[in-house]
């Protein structure tokens, strides 16, 4: 092998990394514990798990509630309202997936991506027949307005 002192090389790299300014979205250096032990290399950002789970719960409630949409959504204002709710579900899925990604919540991130996918599937089921990309059915006709 080589005669390089890897400990010295790693200390140089650590010093360079410490000189880089941190941003709010990146992990911050943890303070040394009072017991005098070495500090942890990185700590999670300053928000709690409660905020992440609250966002995911709101998106999840909307994802389940959209199944029980009480109004007709075949055409006209009913369709516009339904597509607005589906768009809100997509935005909530993106919103919760960003937060779960930032806070390293793997299982919650998977659930938020499933909610996002669910919203995209619901949107595609109503939009694609109306733009001529999918075959229209009785539940999803080819027209936007009611006759």
N, C-alpha and C. Protein backbone atom coordinates (compact mmCIF):
# COMPACT_ATOMS: atom_id res chain seq x y z
N UNK A 1 0.83 -1.19 0.00
CA UNK A 1 0.00 0.00 0.00
C UNK A 1 0.87 1.25 0.00
N UNK A 2 0.27 2.40 0.26
CA UNK A 2 1.01 3.65 0.26
C UNK A 2 1.40 4.04 1.66
N UNK A 3 2.33 4.99 1.74
CA UNK A 3 2.79 5.47 3.04
C UNK A 3 2.04 6.72 3.48
N UNK A 4 0.82 6.86 3.05
CA UNK A 4 0.01 8.03 3.40
C UNK A 4 -0.51 7.90 4.81
N UNK A 5 -0.56 9.01 5.51
CA UNK A 5 -1.14 9.04 6.86
C UNK A 5 -2.62 9.41 6.71
N UNK A 6 -3.48 8.40 6.68
CA UNK A 6 -4.90 8.62 6.42
C UNK A 6 -5.58 9.38 7.55
N UNK A 7 -5.10 9.25 8.75
CA UNK A 7 -5.68 10.02 9.85
C UNK A 7 -5.47 11.51 9.63
N UNK A 8 -4.28 11.88 9.18
CA UNK A 8 -4.00 13.30 8.89
C UNK A 8 -4.84 13.78 7.72
N UNK A 9 -4.98 12.95 6.70
CA UNK A 9 -5.81 13.32 5.55
C UNK A 9 -7.26 13.53 5.96
N UNK A 10 -7.77 12.64 6.81
CA UNK A 10 -9.17 12.77 7.26
C UNK A 10 -9.35 14.01 8.12
N UNK A 11 -8.34 14.37 8.94
CA UNK A 11 -8.43 15.60 9.73
C UNK A 11 -8.50 16.82 8.83
N UNK A 12 -7.74 16.82 7.71
CA UNK A 12 -7.80 17.93 6.76
C UNK A 12 -9.20 18.05 6.16
N UNK A 13 -9.75 16.92 5.79
CA UNK A 13 -11.10 16.92 5.20
C UNK A 13 -12.12 17.41 6.22
N UNK A 14 -12.00 16.96 7.47
CA UNK A 14 -12.91 17.41 8.52
C UNK A 14 -12.82 18.92 8.71
N UNK A 15 -11.61 19.47 8.68
CA UNK A 15 -11.45 20.92 8.83
C UNK A 15 -12.09 21.67 7.67
N UNK A 16 -11.95 21.14 6.47
CA UNK A 16 -12.56 21.77 5.31
C UNK A 16 -14.08 21.73 5.40
N UNK A 17 -14.62 20.60 5.84
CA UNK A 17 -16.07 20.49 5.98
C UNK A 17 -16.60 21.42 7.06
N UNK A 18 -15.85 21.60 8.14
CA UNK A 18 -16.29 22.50 9.20
C UNK A 18 -16.27 23.95 8.77
N UNK A 19 -15.41 24.29 7.80
CA UNK A 19 -15.33 25.68 7.35
C UNK A 19 -16.48 26.05 6.41
N UNK A 20 -17.20 25.07 5.89
CA UNK A 20 -18.32 25.35 4.99
C UNK A 20 -19.50 25.83 5.82
N UNK A 21 -20.11 27.00 5.46
CA UNK A 21 -21.25 27.48 6.24
C UNK A 21 -22.46 26.57 6.04
N UNK A 22 -23.19 26.35 7.12
CA UNK A 22 -24.39 25.52 7.05
C UNK A 22 -25.60 26.37 6.74
N UNK A 23 -26.60 25.76 6.11
CA UNK A 23 -27.87 26.42 5.82
C UNK A 23 -28.94 25.83 6.72
N UNK A 24 -30.12 26.44 6.70
CA UNK A 24 -31.20 25.97 7.57
C UNK A 24 -31.66 24.58 7.19
N UNK A 25 -31.56 24.20 5.90
CA UNK A 25 -32.07 22.90 5.47
C UNK A 25 -31.05 21.78 5.61
N UNK A 26 -29.81 22.09 5.98
CA UNK A 26 -28.81 21.05 6.14
C UNK A 26 -28.64 20.72 7.61
N UNK A 27 -28.14 19.54 7.91
CA UNK A 27 -27.94 19.18 9.32
C UNK A 27 -26.96 20.13 9.99
N UNK A 28 -27.20 20.37 11.27
CA UNK A 28 -26.35 21.27 12.03
C UNK A 28 -25.48 20.46 12.98
N UNK A 29 -24.34 21.03 13.36
CA UNK A 29 -23.45 20.37 14.31
C UNK A 29 -24.12 20.30 15.67
N UNK A 30 -24.03 19.17 16.31
CA UNK A 30 -24.61 19.00 17.64
C UNK A 30 -23.61 19.51 18.68
N UNK A 31 -24.13 20.03 19.76
CA UNK A 31 -23.28 20.48 20.85
C UNK A 31 -22.77 19.27 21.62
N UNK A 32 -21.64 19.44 22.26
CA UNK A 32 -21.06 18.34 23.03
C UNK A 32 -21.95 18.06 24.24
N UNK A 33 -22.24 16.80 24.54
CA UNK A 33 -23.02 16.47 25.72
C UNK A 33 -22.28 16.91 26.99
N UNK A 34 -23.01 17.10 28.06
CA UNK A 34 -22.41 17.59 29.30
C UNK A 34 -21.49 16.58 29.94
N UNK A 35 -21.58 15.32 29.55
CA UNK A 35 -20.73 14.29 30.14
C UNK A 35 -19.31 14.33 29.62
N UNK A 36 -18.99 15.23 28.68
CA UNK A 36 -17.65 15.36 28.17
C UNK A 36 -17.35 14.41 27.03
N UNK A 37 -18.34 13.67 26.55
CA UNK A 37 -18.12 12.76 25.45
C UNK A 37 -17.98 13.55 24.15
N UNK A 38 -17.49 12.91 23.13
CA UNK A 38 -17.33 13.57 21.83
C UNK A 38 -18.70 13.92 21.26
N UNK A 39 -18.81 15.04 20.55
CA UNK A 39 -20.11 15.42 19.99
C UNK A 39 -20.51 14.49 18.85
N UNK A 40 -21.82 14.36 18.67
CA UNK A 40 -22.33 13.60 17.55
C UNK A 40 -22.02 14.37 16.27
N UNK A 41 -21.71 13.69 15.16
CA UNK A 41 -21.32 14.42 13.97
C UNK A 41 -22.41 15.32 13.41
N UNK A 42 -23.64 14.84 13.35
CA UNK A 42 -24.73 15.65 12.82
C UNK A 42 -25.98 15.40 13.63
N UNK A 43 -26.78 16.42 13.77
CA UNK A 43 -28.06 16.30 14.46
C UNK A 43 -29.17 16.62 13.47
N UNK A 44 -30.37 16.19 13.76
CA UNK A 44 -31.51 16.51 12.91
C UNK A 44 -31.82 18.00 13.01
N UNK A 45 -32.49 18.55 11.99
CA UNK A 45 -32.88 19.95 12.07
C UNK A 45 -33.79 20.20 13.28
N UNK A 46 -34.02 21.45 13.59
CA UNK A 46 -34.61 21.87 14.85
C UNK A 46 -36.12 21.65 15.01
N UNK A 47 -36.81 21.01 14.10
CA UNK A 47 -38.25 20.82 14.25
C UNK A 47 -38.54 19.43 14.82
N UNK A 48 -39.77 19.28 15.27
CA UNK A 48 -40.13 18.03 15.93
C UNK A 48 -40.78 17.05 14.96
N UNK A 49 -40.88 15.84 15.40
CA UNK A 49 -41.54 14.81 14.61
C UNK A 49 -43.04 15.07 14.55
N UNK A 50 -43.56 15.77 15.54
CA UNK A 50 -44.99 16.07 15.56
C UNK A 50 -45.41 16.86 14.33
N UNK A 51 -44.65 17.85 13.94
CA UNK A 51 -44.98 18.66 12.77
C UNK A 51 -44.99 17.85 11.49
N UNK A 52 -44.03 16.95 11.37
CA UNK A 52 -43.95 16.10 10.19
C UNK A 52 -45.15 15.17 10.14
N UNK A 53 -45.47 14.56 11.26
CA UNK A 53 -46.60 13.62 11.30
C UNK A 53 -47.94 14.34 11.15
N UNK A 54 -48.04 15.57 11.61
CA UNK A 54 -49.27 16.33 11.44
C UNK A 54 -49.52 16.62 9.96
N UNK A 55 -48.47 16.98 9.24
CA UNK A 55 -48.62 17.22 7.80
C UNK A 55 -49.02 15.94 7.09
N UNK A 56 -48.39 14.84 7.46
CA UNK A 56 -48.72 13.57 6.84
C UNK A 56 -50.14 13.13 7.18
N UNK A 57 -50.57 13.39 8.40
CA UNK A 57 -51.94 13.02 8.80
C UNK A 57 -52.97 13.82 8.01
N UNK A 58 -52.72 15.12 7.81
CA UNK A 58 -53.65 15.93 7.02
C UNK A 58 -53.75 15.42 5.59
N UNK A 59 -52.61 15.11 5.00
CA UNK A 59 -52.63 14.57 3.64
C UNK A 59 -53.32 13.21 3.60
N UNK A 60 -53.08 12.37 4.60
CA UNK A 60 -53.69 11.05 4.66
C UNK A 60 -55.21 11.11 4.82
N UNK A 61 -55.67 12.02 5.65
CA UNK A 61 -57.12 12.19 5.84
C UNK A 61 -57.77 12.61 4.52
N UNK A 62 -57.13 13.53 3.81
CA UNK A 62 -57.67 13.96 2.52
C UNK A 62 -57.64 12.81 1.52
N UNK A 63 -56.57 12.00 1.53
CA UNK A 63 -56.47 10.88 0.61
C UNK A 63 -57.55 9.84 0.82
N UNK A 64 -57.94 9.62 2.07
CA UNK A 64 -59.01 8.66 2.36
C UNK A 64 -60.38 9.30 2.11
N UNK A 65 -60.53 10.56 2.49
CA UNK A 65 -61.82 11.23 2.35
C UNK A 65 -62.22 11.43 0.89
N UNK A 66 -61.26 11.54 0.00
CA UNK A 66 -61.58 11.77 -1.41
C UNK A 66 -62.33 10.59 -2.02
N UNK A 67 -62.16 9.40 -1.42
CA UNK A 67 -62.88 8.22 -1.89
C UNK A 67 -64.38 8.40 -1.69
N UNK A 68 -64.75 9.12 -0.63
CA UNK A 68 -66.15 9.29 -0.29
C UNK A 68 -66.68 10.64 -0.77
N UNK A 69 -66.21 11.13 -1.91
CA UNK A 69 -66.64 12.41 -2.46
C UNK A 69 -68.16 12.39 -2.65
N UNK A 70 -68.89 13.31 -1.99
CA UNK A 70 -70.35 13.20 -1.96
C UNK A 70 -71.07 13.79 -3.18
N UNK A 71 -70.40 14.51 -4.04
CA UNK A 71 -71.07 15.21 -5.14
C UNK A 71 -70.78 14.52 -6.47
N UNK A 72 -71.63 14.80 -7.44
CA UNK A 72 -71.39 14.26 -8.76
C UNK A 72 -70.18 14.96 -9.37
N UNK A 73 -69.32 14.17 -9.99
CA UNK A 73 -68.08 14.74 -10.53
C UNK A 73 -67.90 14.35 -11.99
N UNK A 74 -69.02 14.24 -12.71
CA UNK A 74 -68.93 13.86 -14.11
C UNK A 74 -68.67 15.05 -15.02
N UNK A 75 -69.19 16.22 -14.65
CA UNK A 75 -69.03 17.38 -15.52
C UNK A 75 -69.33 18.66 -14.73
N UNK A 76 -69.01 19.78 -15.33
CA UNK A 76 -69.36 21.08 -14.78
C UNK A 76 -68.67 21.44 -13.47
N UNK A 77 -69.42 22.12 -12.60
CA UNK A 77 -68.86 22.58 -11.34
C UNK A 77 -68.50 21.44 -10.39
N UNK A 78 -69.25 20.36 -10.44
CA UNK A 78 -68.93 19.20 -9.62
C UNK A 78 -67.57 18.63 -9.99
N UNK A 79 -67.29 18.57 -11.28
CA UNK A 79 -65.99 18.10 -11.75
C UNK A 79 -64.89 19.07 -11.34
N UNK A 80 -65.15 20.37 -11.46
CA UNK A 80 -64.16 21.37 -11.08
C UNK A 80 -63.84 21.28 -9.59
N UNK A 81 -64.86 21.10 -8.76
CA UNK A 81 -64.64 20.95 -7.32
C UNK A 81 -63.85 19.70 -6.99
N UNK A 82 -64.20 18.60 -7.67
CA UNK A 82 -63.49 17.35 -7.44
C UNK A 82 -62.04 17.45 -7.86
N UNK A 83 -61.79 18.02 -9.05
CA UNK A 83 -60.41 18.18 -9.50
C UNK A 83 -59.63 19.15 -8.62
N UNK A 84 -60.33 20.13 -8.04
CA UNK A 84 -59.68 21.02 -7.07
C UNK A 84 -59.26 20.26 -5.81
N UNK A 85 -60.12 19.36 -5.35
CA UNK A 85 -59.79 18.54 -4.18
C UNK A 85 -58.65 17.57 -4.49
N UNK A 86 -58.64 17.02 -5.70
CA UNK A 86 -57.57 16.12 -6.10
C UNK A 86 -56.25 16.89 -6.21
N UNK A 87 -56.31 18.10 -6.74
CA UNK A 87 -55.11 18.94 -6.81
C UNK A 87 -54.59 19.25 -5.40
N UNK A 88 -55.51 19.50 -4.48
CA UNK A 88 -55.12 19.72 -3.08
C UNK A 88 -54.44 18.48 -2.51
N UNK A 89 -54.94 17.31 -2.85
CA UNK A 89 -54.32 16.05 -2.41
C UNK A 89 -52.91 15.93 -2.97
N UNK A 90 -52.71 16.26 -4.23
CA UNK A 90 -51.39 16.20 -4.84
C UNK A 90 -50.44 17.17 -4.16
N UNK A 91 -50.91 18.39 -3.92
CA UNK A 91 -50.08 19.39 -3.24
C UNK A 91 -49.75 18.94 -1.82
N UNK A 92 -50.73 18.35 -1.13
CA UNK A 92 -50.48 17.85 0.23
C UNK A 92 -49.49 16.70 0.22
N UNK A 93 -49.54 15.85 -0.80
CA UNK A 93 -48.57 14.76 -0.92
C UNK A 93 -47.16 15.28 -1.14
N UNK A 94 -47.03 16.30 -1.99
CA UNK A 94 -45.72 16.90 -2.22
C UNK A 94 -45.23 17.58 -0.95
N UNK A 95 -46.12 18.31 -0.30
CA UNK A 95 -45.80 19.05 0.93
C UNK A 95 -45.29 18.09 2.01
N UNK A 96 -46.03 17.01 2.24
CA UNK A 96 -45.60 16.08 3.28
C UNK A 96 -44.37 15.30 2.87
N UNK A 97 -44.20 15.01 1.58
CA UNK A 97 -43.00 14.28 1.16
C UNK A 97 -41.75 15.13 1.31
N UNK A 98 -41.84 16.43 1.08
CA UNK A 98 -40.69 17.30 1.29
C UNK A 98 -40.30 17.32 2.76
N UNK A 99 -41.29 17.46 3.64
CA UNK A 99 -40.98 17.51 5.07
C UNK A 99 -40.46 16.18 5.60
N UNK A 100 -41.05 15.08 5.13
CA UNK A 100 -40.56 13.79 5.60
C UNK A 100 -39.16 13.50 5.07
N UNK A 101 -38.84 13.99 3.90
CA UNK A 101 -37.49 13.82 3.35
C UNK A 101 -36.48 14.63 4.17
N UNK A 102 -36.84 15.88 4.48
CA UNK A 102 -35.94 16.74 5.24
C UNK A 102 -35.68 16.20 6.64
N UNK A 103 -36.66 15.55 7.21
CA UNK A 103 -36.55 15.07 8.59
C UNK A 103 -36.22 13.58 8.66
N UNK A 104 -35.85 13.01 7.55
CA UNK A 104 -35.36 11.64 7.48
C UNK A 104 -36.33 10.63 8.11
N UNK A 105 -37.60 10.79 7.78
CA UNK A 105 -38.62 9.87 8.27
C UNK A 105 -38.98 8.94 7.11
N UNK A 106 -38.29 7.83 7.00
CA UNK A 106 -38.38 6.97 5.83
C UNK A 106 -39.77 6.38 5.62
N UNK A 107 -40.35 5.84 6.67
CA UNK A 107 -41.68 5.23 6.52
C UNK A 107 -42.73 6.28 6.20
N UNK A 108 -42.67 7.42 6.85
CA UNK A 108 -43.61 8.50 6.58
C UNK A 108 -43.40 9.04 5.17
N UNK A 109 -42.17 9.05 4.70
CA UNK A 109 -41.90 9.52 3.33
C UNK A 109 -42.53 8.57 2.31
N UNK A 110 -42.44 7.28 2.59
CA UNK A 110 -43.07 6.30 1.70
C UNK A 110 -44.58 6.51 1.65
N UNK A 111 -45.19 6.75 2.80
CA UNK A 111 -46.64 7.00 2.84
C UNK A 111 -46.99 8.27 2.08
N UNK A 112 -46.19 9.31 2.23
CA UNK A 112 -46.49 10.56 1.53
C UNK A 112 -46.33 10.40 0.02
N UNK A 113 -45.36 9.59 -0.42
CA UNK A 113 -45.23 9.33 -1.86
C UNK A 113 -46.40 8.50 -2.38
N UNK A 114 -46.91 7.59 -1.55
CA UNK A 114 -48.10 6.84 -1.95
C UNK A 114 -49.31 7.76 -2.08
N UNK A 115 -49.44 8.72 -1.16
CA UNK A 115 -50.54 9.69 -1.26
C UNK A 115 -50.40 10.55 -2.52
N UNK A 116 -49.19 10.95 -2.84
CA UNK A 116 -48.95 11.71 -4.06
C UNK A 116 -49.33 10.89 -5.28
N UNK A 117 -48.93 9.63 -5.30
CA UNK A 117 -49.28 8.75 -6.42
C UNK A 117 -50.79 8.56 -6.51
N UNK A 118 -51.45 8.41 -5.38
CA UNK A 118 -52.91 8.26 -5.34
C UNK A 118 -53.58 9.48 -5.96
N UNK A 119 -53.10 10.67 -5.62
CA UNK A 119 -53.66 11.89 -6.19
C UNK A 119 -53.44 11.96 -7.70
N UNK A 120 -52.27 11.55 -8.16
CA UNK A 120 -51.99 11.58 -9.60
C UNK A 120 -52.87 10.57 -10.35
N UNK A 121 -53.12 9.41 -9.74
CA UNK A 121 -53.99 8.41 -10.36
C UNK A 121 -55.42 8.94 -10.46
N UNK A 122 -55.91 9.55 -9.39
CA UNK A 122 -57.26 10.11 -9.42
C UNK A 122 -57.38 11.22 -10.46
N UNK A 123 -56.37 12.06 -10.56
CA UNK A 123 -56.40 13.13 -11.56
C UNK A 123 -56.37 12.55 -12.97
N UNK A 124 -55.52 11.56 -13.18
CA UNK A 124 -55.42 10.96 -14.51
C UNK A 124 -56.72 10.30 -14.94
N UNK A 125 -57.42 9.68 -14.00
CA UNK A 125 -58.67 8.99 -14.33
C UNK A 125 -59.72 9.96 -14.86
N UNK A 126 -59.70 11.21 -14.43
CA UNK A 126 -60.69 12.17 -14.89
C UNK A 126 -60.19 13.07 -16.01
N UNK A 127 -58.92 13.34 -16.05
CA UNK A 127 -58.41 14.27 -17.06
C UNK A 127 -58.10 13.58 -18.38
N UNK A 128 -57.48 12.43 -18.35
CA UNK A 128 -57.05 11.77 -19.58
C UNK A 128 -58.18 11.46 -20.56
N UNK A 129 -59.37 10.97 -20.13
CA UNK A 129 -60.44 10.77 -21.11
C UNK A 129 -60.92 12.09 -21.74
N UNK A 130 -60.82 13.17 -21.02
CA UNK A 130 -61.32 14.46 -21.52
C UNK A 130 -60.34 15.14 -22.48
N UNK A 131 -59.09 14.75 -22.45
CA UNK A 131 -58.14 15.33 -23.39
C UNK A 131 -57.85 14.38 -24.55
N UNK A 132 -58.56 13.25 -24.60
CA UNK A 132 -58.46 12.33 -25.72
C UNK A 132 -57.36 11.30 -25.60
N UNK A 133 -56.75 11.15 -24.44
CA UNK A 133 -55.66 10.19 -24.29
C UNK A 133 -56.14 8.83 -23.81
N UNK A 134 -57.28 8.78 -23.13
CA UNK A 134 -57.82 7.52 -22.63
C UNK A 134 -59.24 7.34 -23.15
N UNK A 135 -59.74 6.12 -23.08
CA UNK A 135 -61.08 5.81 -23.56
C UNK A 135 -62.12 6.31 -22.56
N UNK A 136 -63.07 7.14 -23.01
CA UNK A 136 -64.12 7.62 -22.10
C UNK A 136 -65.06 6.48 -21.67
N UNK A 137 -65.58 6.61 -20.44
CA UNK A 137 -66.56 5.66 -19.92
C UNK A 137 -67.75 6.46 -19.39
N UNK A 138 -68.75 5.76 -18.85
CA UNK A 138 -69.90 6.46 -18.28
C UNK A 138 -69.50 7.29 -17.07
N UNK A 139 -68.58 6.78 -16.26
CA UNK A 139 -68.14 7.52 -15.07
C UNK A 139 -67.17 8.64 -15.43
N UNK A 140 -66.44 8.48 -16.52
CA UNK A 140 -65.45 9.47 -16.95
C UNK A 140 -65.69 9.81 -18.41
N UNK A 141 -66.69 10.67 -18.69
CA UNK A 141 -67.02 10.99 -20.09
C UNK A 141 -65.94 11.88 -20.73
N UNK A 142 -66.11 12.10 -22.03
CA UNK A 142 -65.12 12.84 -22.79
C UNK A 142 -65.32 14.36 -22.76
N UNK A 143 -66.39 14.84 -22.14
CA UNK A 143 -66.64 16.28 -22.16
C UNK A 143 -66.47 16.88 -20.75
N UNK A 144 -66.15 18.17 -20.73
CA UNK A 144 -65.92 18.89 -19.47
C UNK A 144 -67.21 19.48 -18.92
N UNK A 145 -68.09 19.94 -19.81
CA UNK A 145 -69.33 20.62 -19.37
C UNK A 145 -70.51 19.66 -19.45
N UNK A 146 -71.55 19.99 -18.71
CA UNK A 146 -72.77 19.19 -18.74
C UNK A 146 -73.65 19.67 -19.88
N UNK A 147 -74.35 18.73 -20.54
CA UNK A 147 -75.22 19.11 -21.65
C UNK A 147 -76.63 19.39 -21.17
